[in-house]
Amino acid sequence: MAEPSYEDLKARVAELEKQSASHRSGKLEFRVGEKGGVSVYGLGRFPVTLYYEQWQRLLDSAGELRAFLEKSKAEGRLKLKEK
């Protein structure tokens, strides 16, 4: 196997930098794992992985979750990021 050229290496580095920039942009990324779980990347250091039925239950209670978050925020119980 021949050694890659300088241009090939430079193109590969640019491609990898582009990929890593998208990971730091705060954009959410979804992947299905080999066991069928759906993972969400981009929320924090580690992905959040749930199975289909769990995602459905979570999404069905989105209204309750929003209300709970707003109530907890108003009570000052949440740790919020400073802008």
PDB file of N, CA and C in Angstrom:
ATOM      1  N   MET A   1       0.845  -1.175   0.000  1.00  0.00           N
ATOM      2  CA  MET A   1       0.000   0.000   0.000  1.00  0.00           C
ATOM      3  C   MET A   1       0.895   1.244   0.000  1.00  0.00           C
ATOM      4  N   ALA A   2       0.608   2.161  -0.876  1.00  0.00           N
ATOM      5  CA  ALA A   2       1.422   3.370  -1.014  1.00  0.00           C
ATOM      6  C   ALA A   2       1.107   4.365   0.096  1.00  0.00           C
ATOM      7  N   GLU A   3       2.095   5.163   0.413  1.00  0.00           N
ATOM      8  CA  GLU A   3       1.905   6.225   1.406  1.00  0.00           C
ATOM      9  C   GLU A   3       0.973   7.290   0.831  1.00  0.00           C
ATOM     10  N   PRO A   4       0.049   7.819   1.641  1.00  0.00           N
ATOM     11  CA  PRO A   4      -0.827   8.890   1.129  1.00  0.00           C
ATOM     12  C   PRO A   4      -0.017  10.165   0.887  1.00  0.00           C
ATOM     13  N   SER A   5      -0.476  10.918  -0.093  1.00  0.00           N
ATOM     14  CA  SER A   5       0.225  12.164  -0.417  1.00  0.00           C
ATOM     15  C   SER A   5      -0.110  13.239   0.613  1.00  0.00           C
ATOM     16  N   TYR A   6       0.662  14.300   0.576  1.00  0.00           N
ATOM     17  CA  TYR A   6       0.431  15.424   1.477  1.00  0.00           C
ATOM     18  C   TYR A   6      -0.971  15.983   1.281  1.00  0.00           C
ATOM     19  N   GLU A   7      -1.402  16.096   0.025  1.00  0.00           N
ATOM     20  CA  GLU A   7      -2.732  16.627  -0.280  1.00  0.00           C
ATOM     21  C   GLU A   7      -3.835  15.717   0.262  1.00  0.00           C
ATOM     22  N   ASP A   8      -3.610  14.391   0.142  1.00  0.00           N
ATOM     23  CA  ASP A   8      -4.591  13.441   0.679  1.00  0.00           C
ATOM     24  C   ASP A   8      -4.709  13.590   2.194  1.00  0.00           C
ATOM     25  N   LEU A   9      -3.573  13.711   2.860  1.00  0.00           N
ATOM     26  CA  LEU A   9      -3.574  13.874   4.315  1.00  0.00           C
ATOM     27  C   LEU A   9      -4.224  15.188   4.722  1.00  0.00           C
ATOM     28  N   LYS A  10      -3.924  16.229   3.979  1.00  0.00           N
ATOM     29  CA  LYS A  10      -4.501  17.547   4.272  1.00  0.00           C
ATOM     30  C   LYS A  10      -6.022  17.513   4.114  1.00  0.00           C
ATOM     31  N   ALA A  11      -6.506  16.849   3.066  1.00  0.00           N
ATOM     32  CA  ALA A  11      -7.949  16.721   2.843  1.00  0.00           C
ATOM     33  C   ALA A  11      -8.603  15.921   3.961  1.00  0.00           C
ATOM     34  N   ARG A  12      -7.928  14.863   4.405  1.00  0.00           N
ATOM     35  CA  ARG A  12      -8.470  14.027   5.489  1.00  0.00           C
ATOM     36  C   ARG A  12      -8.554  14.803   6.801  1.00  0.00           C
ATOM     37  N   VAL A  13      -7.524  15.586   7.097  1.00  0.00           N
ATOM     38  CA  VAL A  13      -7.529  16.416   8.306  1.00  0.00           C
ATOM     39  C   VAL A  13      -8.673  17.423   8.238  1.00  0.00           C
ATOM     40  N   ALA A  14      -8.869  18.041   7.091  1.00  0.00           N
ATOM     41  CA  ALA A  14      -9.959  19.013   6.935  1.00  0.00           C
ATOM     42  C   ALA A  14     -11.311  18.339   7.141  1.00  0.00           C
ATOM     43  N   GLU A  15     -11.458  17.126   6.625  1.00  0.00           N
ATOM     44  CA  GLU A  15     -12.710  16.389   6.790  1.00  0.00           C
ATOM     45  C   GLU A  15     -12.961  16.066   8.261  1.00  0.00           C
ATOM     46  N   LEU A  16     -11.933  15.633   8.961  1.00  0.00           N
ATOM     47  CA  LEU A  16     -12.071  15.304  10.386  1.00  0.00           C
ATOM     48  C   LEU A  16     -12.363  16.540  11.217  1.00  0.00           C
ATOM     49  N   GLU A  17     -11.740  17.661  10.889  1.00  0.00           N
ATOM     50  CA  GLU A  17     -12.011  18.910  11.607  1.00  0.00           C
ATOM     51  C   GLU A  17     -13.445  19.355  11.394  1.00  0.00           C
ATOM     52  N   LYS A  18     -13.939  19.168  10.188  1.00  0.00           N
ATOM     53  CA  LYS A  18     -15.328  19.532   9.889  1.00  0.00           C
ATOM     54  C   LYS A  18     -16.284  18.676  10.724  1.00  0.00           C
ATOM     55  N   GLN A  19     -15.987  17.381  10.822  1.00  0.00           N
ATOM     56  CA  GLN A  19     -16.824  16.483  11.615  1.00  0.00           C
ATOM     57  C   GLN A  19     -16.790  16.854  13.091  1.00  0.00           C
ATOM     58  N   SER A  20     -15.611  17.150  13.626  1.00  0.00           N
ATOM     59  CA  SER A  20     -15.514  17.478  15.044  1.00  0.00           C
ATOM     60  C   SER A  20     -16.164  18.821  15.345  1.00  0.00           C
ATOM     61  N   ALA A  21     -16.151  19.739  14.392  1.00  0.00           N
ATOM     62  CA  ALA A  21     -16.803  21.033  14.597  1.00  0.00           C
ATOM     63  C   ALA A  21     -18.309  20.855  14.730  1.00  0.00           C
ATOM     64  N   SER A  22     -18.887  19.920  13.969  1.00  0.00           N
ATOM     65  CA  SER A  22     -20.329  19.694  14.062  1.00  0.00           C
ATOM     66  C   SER A  22     -20.691  19.103  15.413  1.00  0.00           C
ATOM     67  N   HIS A  23     -19.779  18.327  16.018  1.00  0.00           N
ATOM     68  CA  HIS A  23     -20.040  17.753  17.343  1.00  0.00           C
ATOM     69  C   HIS A  23     -20.027  18.841  18.410  1.00  0.00           C
ATOM     70  N   ARG A  24     -19.250  19.881  18.231  1.00  0.00           N
ATOM     71  CA  ARG A  24     -19.162  20.955  19.221  1.00  0.00           C
ATOM     72  C   ARG A  24     -20.183  22.053  18.985  1.00  0.00           C
ATOM     73  N   SER A  25     -20.924  21.976  17.895  1.00  0.00           N
ATOM     74  CA  SER A  25     -21.848  23.049  17.555  1.00  0.00           C
ATOM     75  C   SER A  25     -23.121  23.019  18.390  1.00  0.00           C
ATOM     76  N   GLY A  26     -23.314  21.972  19.161  1.00  0.00           N
ATOM     77  CA  GLY A  26     -24.530  21.856  19.946  1.00  0.00           C
ATOM     78  C   GLY A  26     -25.649  21.175  19.178  1.00  0.00           C
ATOM     79  N   LYS A  27     -25.362  20.766  17.964  1.00  0.00           N
ATOM     80  CA  LYS A  27     -26.364  20.082  17.152  1.00  0.00           C
ATOM     81  C   LYS A  27     -26.594  18.683  17.715  1.00  0.00           C
ATOM     82  N   LEU A  28     -27.835  18.288  17.807  1.00  0.00           N
ATOM     83  CA  LEU A  28     -28.157  16.954  18.295  1.00  0.00           C
ATOM     84  C   LEU A  28     -28.022  15.943  17.169  1.00  0.00           C
ATOM     85  N   GLU A  29     -27.536  14.778  17.518  1.00  0.00           N
ATOM     86  CA  GLU A  29     -27.372  13.706  16.538  1.00  0.00           C
ATOM     87  C   GLU A  29     -28.017  12.459  17.103  1.00  0.00           C
ATOM     88  N   PHE A  30     -28.736  11.721  16.278  1.00  0.00           N
ATOM     89  CA  PHE A  30     -29.446  10.515  16.692  1.00  0.00           C
ATOM     90  C   PHE A  30     -28.843   9.306  16.003  1.00  0.00           C
ATOM     91  N   ARG A  31     -28.686   8.225  16.767  1.00  0.00           N
ATOM     92  CA  ARG A  31     -28.157   6.974  16.217  1.00  0.00           C
ATOM     93  C   ARG A  31     -28.904   5.800  16.831  1.00  0.00           C
ATOM     94  N   VAL A  32     -29.061   4.760  16.035  1.00  0.00           N
ATOM     95  CA  VAL A  32     -29.649   3.520  16.533  1.00  0.00           C
ATOM     96  C   VAL A  32     -28.499   2.555  16.797  1.00  0.00           C
ATOM     97  N   GLY A  33     -28.432   2.056  18.019  1.00  0.00           N
ATOM     98  CA  GLY A  33     -27.375   1.138  18.415  1.00  0.00           C
ATOM     99  C   GLY A  33     -27.638  -0.273  17.948  1.00  0.00           C
ATOM    100  N   GLU A  34     -26.669  -1.119  18.134  1.00  0.00           N
ATOM    101  CA  GLU A  34     -26.773  -2.490  17.649  1.00  0.00           C
ATOM    102  C   GLU A  34     -27.845  -3.291  18.399  1.00  0.00           C
ATOM    103  N   LYS A  35     -28.192  -2.885  19.621  1.00  0.00           N
ATOM    104  CA  LYS A  35     -29.241  -3.572  20.377  1.00  0.00           C
ATOM    105  C   LYS A  35     -30.614  -2.927  20.192  1.00  0.00           C
ATOM    106  N   GLY A  36     -30.698  -1.891  19.334  1.00  0.00           N
ATOM    107  CA  GLY A  36     -31.987  -1.293  19.033  1.00  0.00           C
ATOM    108  C   GLY A  36     -32.314  -0.057  19.842  1.00  0.00           C
ATOM    109  N   GLY A  37     -31.442   0.368  20.711  1.00  0.00           N
ATOM    110  CA  GLY A  37     -31.672   1.582  21.475  1.00  0.00           C
ATOM    111  C   GLY A  37     -31.371   2.810  20.632  1.00  0.00           C
ATOM    112  N   VAL A  38     -32.088   3.884  20.877  1.00  0.00           N
ATOM    113  CA  VAL A  38     -31.866   5.137  20.158  1.00  0.00           C
ATOM    114  C   VAL A  38     -31.095   6.078  21.078  1.00  0.00           C
ATOM    115  N   SER A  39     -29.931   6.535  20.597  1.00  0.00           N
ATOM    116  CA  SER A  39     -29.070   7.414  21.381  1.00  0.00           C
ATOM    117  C   SER A  39     -29.115   8.826  20.834  1.00  0.00           C
ATOM    118  N   VAL A  40     -29.126   9.791  21.745  1.00  0.00           N
ATOM    119  CA  VAL A  40     -29.054  11.199  21.379  1.00  0.00           C
ATOM    120  C   VAL A  40     -27.702  11.714  21.836  1.00  0.00           C
ATOM    121  N   TYR A  41     -26.943  12.235  20.888  1.00  0.00           N
ATOM    122  CA  TYR A  41     -25.628  12.810  21.166  1.00  0.00           C
ATOM    123  C   TYR A  41     -25.737  14.320  21.084  1.00  0.00           C
ATOM    124  N   GLY A  42     -24.963  15.015  21.900  1.00  0.00           N
ATOM    125  CA  GLY A  42     -24.920  16.469  21.838  1.00  0.00           C
ATOM    126  C   GLY A  42     -25.581  17.167  23.014  1.00  0.00           C
ATOM    127  N   LEU A  43     -26.152  16.403  23.934  1.00  0.00           N
ATOM    128  CA  LEU A  43     -26.770  17.016  25.114  1.00  0.00           C
ATOM    129  C   LEU A  43     -25.743  17.270  26.203  1.00  0.00           C
ATOM    130  N   GLY A  44     -24.758  16.437  26.273  1.00  0.00           N
ATOM    131  CA  GLY A  44     -23.739  16.544  27.307  1.00  0.00           C
ATOM    132  C   GLY A  44     -22.563  15.675  26.947  1.00  0.00           C
ATOM    133  N   ARG A  45     -21.818  15.301  27.957  1.00  0.00           N
ATOM    134  CA  ARG A  45     -20.605  14.516  27.724  1.00  0.00           C
ATOM    135  C   ARG A  45     -20.910  13.117  27.201  1.00  0.00           C
ATOM    136  N   PHE A  46     -21.988  12.528  27.682  1.00  0.00           N
ATOM    137  CA  PHE A  46     -22.353  11.176  27.292  1.00  0.00           C
ATOM    138  C   PHE A  46     -23.687  11.183  26.562  1.00  0.00           C
ATOM    139  N   PRO A  47     -23.912  10.210  25.688  1.00  0.00           N
ATOM    140  CA  PRO A  47     -25.204  10.139  24.994  1.00  0.00           C
ATOM    141  C   PRO A  47     -26.309   9.675  25.938  1.00  0.00           C
ATOM    142  N   VAL A  48     -27.536  10.015  25.571  1.00  0.00           N
ATOM    143  CA  VAL A  48     -28.719   9.526  26.279  1.00  0.00           C
ATOM    144  C   VAL A  48     -29.312   8.438  25.399  1.00  0.00           C
ATOM    145  N   THR A  49     -29.450   7.231  25.953  1.00  0.00           N
ATOM    146  CA  THR A  49     -29.936   6.100  25.168  1.00  0.00           C
ATOM    147  C   THR A  49     -31.170   5.506  25.824  1.00  0.00           C
ATOM    148  N   LEU A  50     -32.244   5.409  25.050  1.00  0.00           N
ATOM    149  CA  LEU A  50     -33.484   4.780  25.487  1.00  0.00           C
ATOM    150  C   LEU A  50     -34.004   3.899  24.358  1.00  0.00           C
ATOM    151  N   TYR A  51     -34.890   2.971  24.682  1.00  0.00           N
ATOM    152  CA  TYR A  51     -35.530   2.151  23.666  1.00  0.00           C
ATOM    153  C   TYR A  51     -36.785   2.864  23.168  1.00  0.00           C
ATOM    154  N   TYR A  52     -37.296   2.399  22.048  1.00  0.00           N
ATOM    155  CA  TYR A  52     -38.433   3.030  21.376  1.00  0.00           C
ATOM    156  C   TYR A  52     -39.586   3.341  22.335  1.00  0.00           C
ATOM    157  N   GLU A  53     -39.997   2.346  23.103  1.00  0.00           N
ATOM    158  CA  GLU A  53     -41.136   2.534  24.011  1.00  0.00           C
ATOM    159  C   GLU A  53     -40.837   3.600  25.062  1.00  0.00           C
ATOM    160  N   GLN A  54     -39.589   3.666  25.512  1.00  0.00           N
ATOM    161  CA  GLN A  54     -39.204   4.669  26.498  1.00  0.00           C
ATOM    162  C   GLN A  54     -39.243   6.068  25.896  1.00  0.00           C
ATOM    163  N   TRP A  55     -38.762   6.212  24.651  1.00  0.00           N
ATOM    164  CA  TRP A  55     -38.834   7.517  23.981  1.00  0.00           C
ATOM    165  C   TRP A  55     -40.287   7.940  23.809  1.00  0.00           C
ATOM    166  N   GLN A  56     -41.153   6.982  23.460  1.00  0.00           N
ATOM    167  CA  GLN A  56     -42.565   7.302  23.283  1.00  0.00           C
ATOM    168  C   GLN A  56     -43.185   7.802  24.592  1.00  0.00           C
ATOM    169  N   ARG A  57     -42.904   7.126  25.691  1.00  0.00           N
ATOM    170  CA  ARG A  57     -43.423   7.560  26.998  1.00  0.00           C
ATOM    171  C   ARG A  57     -42.912   8.947  27.363  1.00  0.00           C
ATOM    172  N   LEU A  58     -41.638   9.188  27.119  1.00  0.00           N
ATOM    173  CA  LEU A  58     -41.045  10.488  27.426  1.00  0.00           C
ATOM    174  C   LEU A  58     -41.686  11.589  26.580  1.00  0.00           C
ATOM    175  N   LEU A  59     -41.833  11.333  25.288  1.00  0.00           N
ATOM    176  CA  LEU A  59     -42.436  12.329  24.401  1.00  0.00           C
ATOM    177  C   LEU A  59     -43.906  12.569  24.734  1.00  0.00           C
ATOM    178  N   ASP A  60     -44.615  11.527  25.142  1.00  0.00           N
ATOM    179  CA  ASP A  60     -46.022  11.678  25.518  1.00  0.00           C
ATOM    180  C   ASP A  60     -46.186  12.556  26.760  1.00  0.00           C
ATOM    181  N   SER A  61     -45.180  12.585  27.618  1.00  0.00           N
ATOM    182  CA  SER A  61     -45.275  13.393  28.836  1.00  0.00           C
ATOM    183  C   SER A  61     -44.484  14.697  28.723  1.00  0.00           C
ATOM    184  N   ALA A  62     -44.202  15.140  27.500  1.00  0.00           N
ATOM    185  CA  ALA A  62     -43.413  16.358  27.289  1.00  0.00           C
ATOM    186  C   ALA A  62     -44.061  17.578  27.947  1.00  0.00           C
ATOM    187  N   GLY A  63     -45.373  17.676  27.886  1.00  0.00           N
ATOM    188  CA  GLY A  63     -46.075  18.805  28.501  1.00  0.00           C
ATOM    189  C   GLY A  63     -45.875  18.844  30.006  1.00  0.00           C
ATOM    190  N   GLU A  64     -45.997  17.687  30.637  1.00  0.00           N
ATOM    191  CA  GLU A  64     -45.785  17.595  32.082  1.00  0.00           C
ATOM    192  C   GLU A  64     -44.342  17.939  32.447  1.00  0.00           C
ATOM    193  N   LEU A  65     -43.404  17.474  31.630  1.00  0.00           N
ATOM    194  CA  LEU A  65     -41.991  17.755  31.877  1.00  0.00           C
ATOM    195  C   LEU A  65     -41.711  19.252  31.769  1.00  0.00           C
ATOM    196  N   ARG A  66     -42.271  19.889  30.748  1.00  0.00           N
ATOM    197  CA  ARG A  66     -42.086  21.345  30.606  1.00  0.00           C
ATOM    198  C   ARG A  66     -42.648  22.108  31.806  1.00  0.00           C
ATOM    199  N   ALA A  67     -43.832  21.714  32.244  1.00  0.00           N
ATOM    200  CA  ALA A  67     -44.449  22.371  33.400  1.00  0.00           C
ATOM    201  C   ALA A  67     -43.597  22.164  34.653  1.00  0.00           C
ATOM    202  N   PHE A  68     -43.103  20.950  34.849  1.00  0.00           N
ATOM    203  CA  PHE A  68     -42.253  20.647  35.992  1.00  0.00           C
ATOM    204  C   PHE A  68     -40.975  21.490  35.958  1.00  0.00           C
ATOM    205  N   LEU A  69     -40.356  21.594  34.782  1.00  0.00           N
ATOM    206  CA  LEU A  69     -39.129  22.383  34.649  1.00  0.00           C
ATOM    207  C   LEU A  69     -39.374  23.859  34.958  1.00  0.00           C
ATOM    208  N   GLU A  70     -40.452  24.406  34.446  1.00  0.00           N
ATOM    209  CA  GLU A  70     -40.760  25.820  34.694  1.00  0.00           C
ATOM    210  C   GLU A  70     -41.054  26.074  36.168  1.00  0.00           C
ATOM    211  N   LYS A  71     -41.790  25.160  36.810  1.00  0.00           N
ATOM    212  CA  LYS A  71     -42.078  25.299  38.233  1.00  0.00           C
ATOM    213  C   LYS A  71     -40.779  25.246  39.040  1.00  0.00           C
ATOM    214  N   SER A  72     -39.909  24.277  38.717  1.00  0.00           N
ATOM    215  CA  SER A  72     -38.640  24.137  39.432  1.00  0.00           C
ATOM    216  C   SER A  72     -37.733  25.338  39.189  1.00  0.00           C
ATOM    217  N   LYS A  73     -37.778  25.879  37.991  1.00  0.00           N
ATOM    218  CA  LYS A  73     -36.978  27.063  37.660  1.00  0.00           C
ATOM    219  C   LYS A  73     -37.462  28.260  38.476  1.00  0.00           C
ATOM    220  N   ALA A  74     -38.777  28.422  38.556  1.00  0.00           N
ATOM    221  CA  ALA A  74     -39.348  29.538  39.314  1.00  0.00           C
ATOM    222  C   ALA A  74     -39.022  29.435  40.803  1.00  0.00           C
ATOM    223  N   GLU A  75     -38.916  28.218  41.304  1.00  0.00           N
ATOM    224  CA  GLU A  75     -38.579  28.005  42.710  1.00  0.00           C
ATOM    225  C   GLU A  75     -37.081  28.108  42.966  1.00  0.00           C
ATOM    226  N   GLY A  76     -36.287  28.261  41.891  1.00  0.00           N
ATOM    227  CA  GLY A  76     -34.844  28.397  42.029  1.00  0.00           C
ATOM    228  C   GLY A  76     -34.131  27.105  42.353  1.00  0.00           C
ATOM    229  N   ARG A  77     -34.751  25.988  42.045  1.00  0.00           N
ATOM    230  CA  ARG A  77     -34.161  24.695  42.383  1.00  0.00           C
ATOM    231  C   ARG A  77     -33.287  24.124  41.279  1.00  0.00           C
ATOM    232  N   LEU A  78     -33.330  24.724  40.085  1.00  0.00           N
ATOM    233  CA  LEU A  78     -32.542  24.200  38.965  1.00  0.00           C
ATOM    234  C   LEU A  78     -31.206  24.893  38.864  1.00  0.00           C
ATOM    235  N   LYS A  79     -30.221  24.152  38.431  1.00  0.00           N
ATOM    236  CA  LYS A  79     -28.921  24.723  38.137  1.00  0.00           C
ATOM    237  C   LYS A  79     -28.949  25.145  36.668  1.00  0.00           C
ATOM    238  N   LEU A  80     -28.863  26.446  36.412  1.00  0.00           N
ATOM    239  CA  LEU A  80     -28.942  26.965  35.047  1.00  0.00           C
ATOM    240  C   LEU A  80     -27.587  27.471  34.589  1.00  0.00           C
ATOM    241  N   LYS A  81     -27.319  27.326  33.300  1.00  0.00           N
ATOM    242  CA  LYS A  81     -26.086  27.850  32.736  1.00  0.00           C
ATOM    243  C   LYS A  81     -26.156  29.361  32.693  1.00  0.00           C
ATOM    244  N   GLU A  82     -25.056  30.010  33.034  1.00  0.00           N
ATOM    245  CA  GLU A  82     -24.999  31.453  32.926  1.00  0.00           C
ATOM    246  C   GLU A  82     -24.634  31.820  31.509  1.00  0.00           C
ATOM    247  N   LYS A  83     -25.271  32.832  30.961  1.00  0.00           N
ATOM    248  CA  LYS A  83     -24.989  33.252  29.586  1.00  0.00           C
ATOM    249  C   LYS A  83     -24.041  34.396  29.554  1.00  0.00           C
TER     250      LYS A  83
END
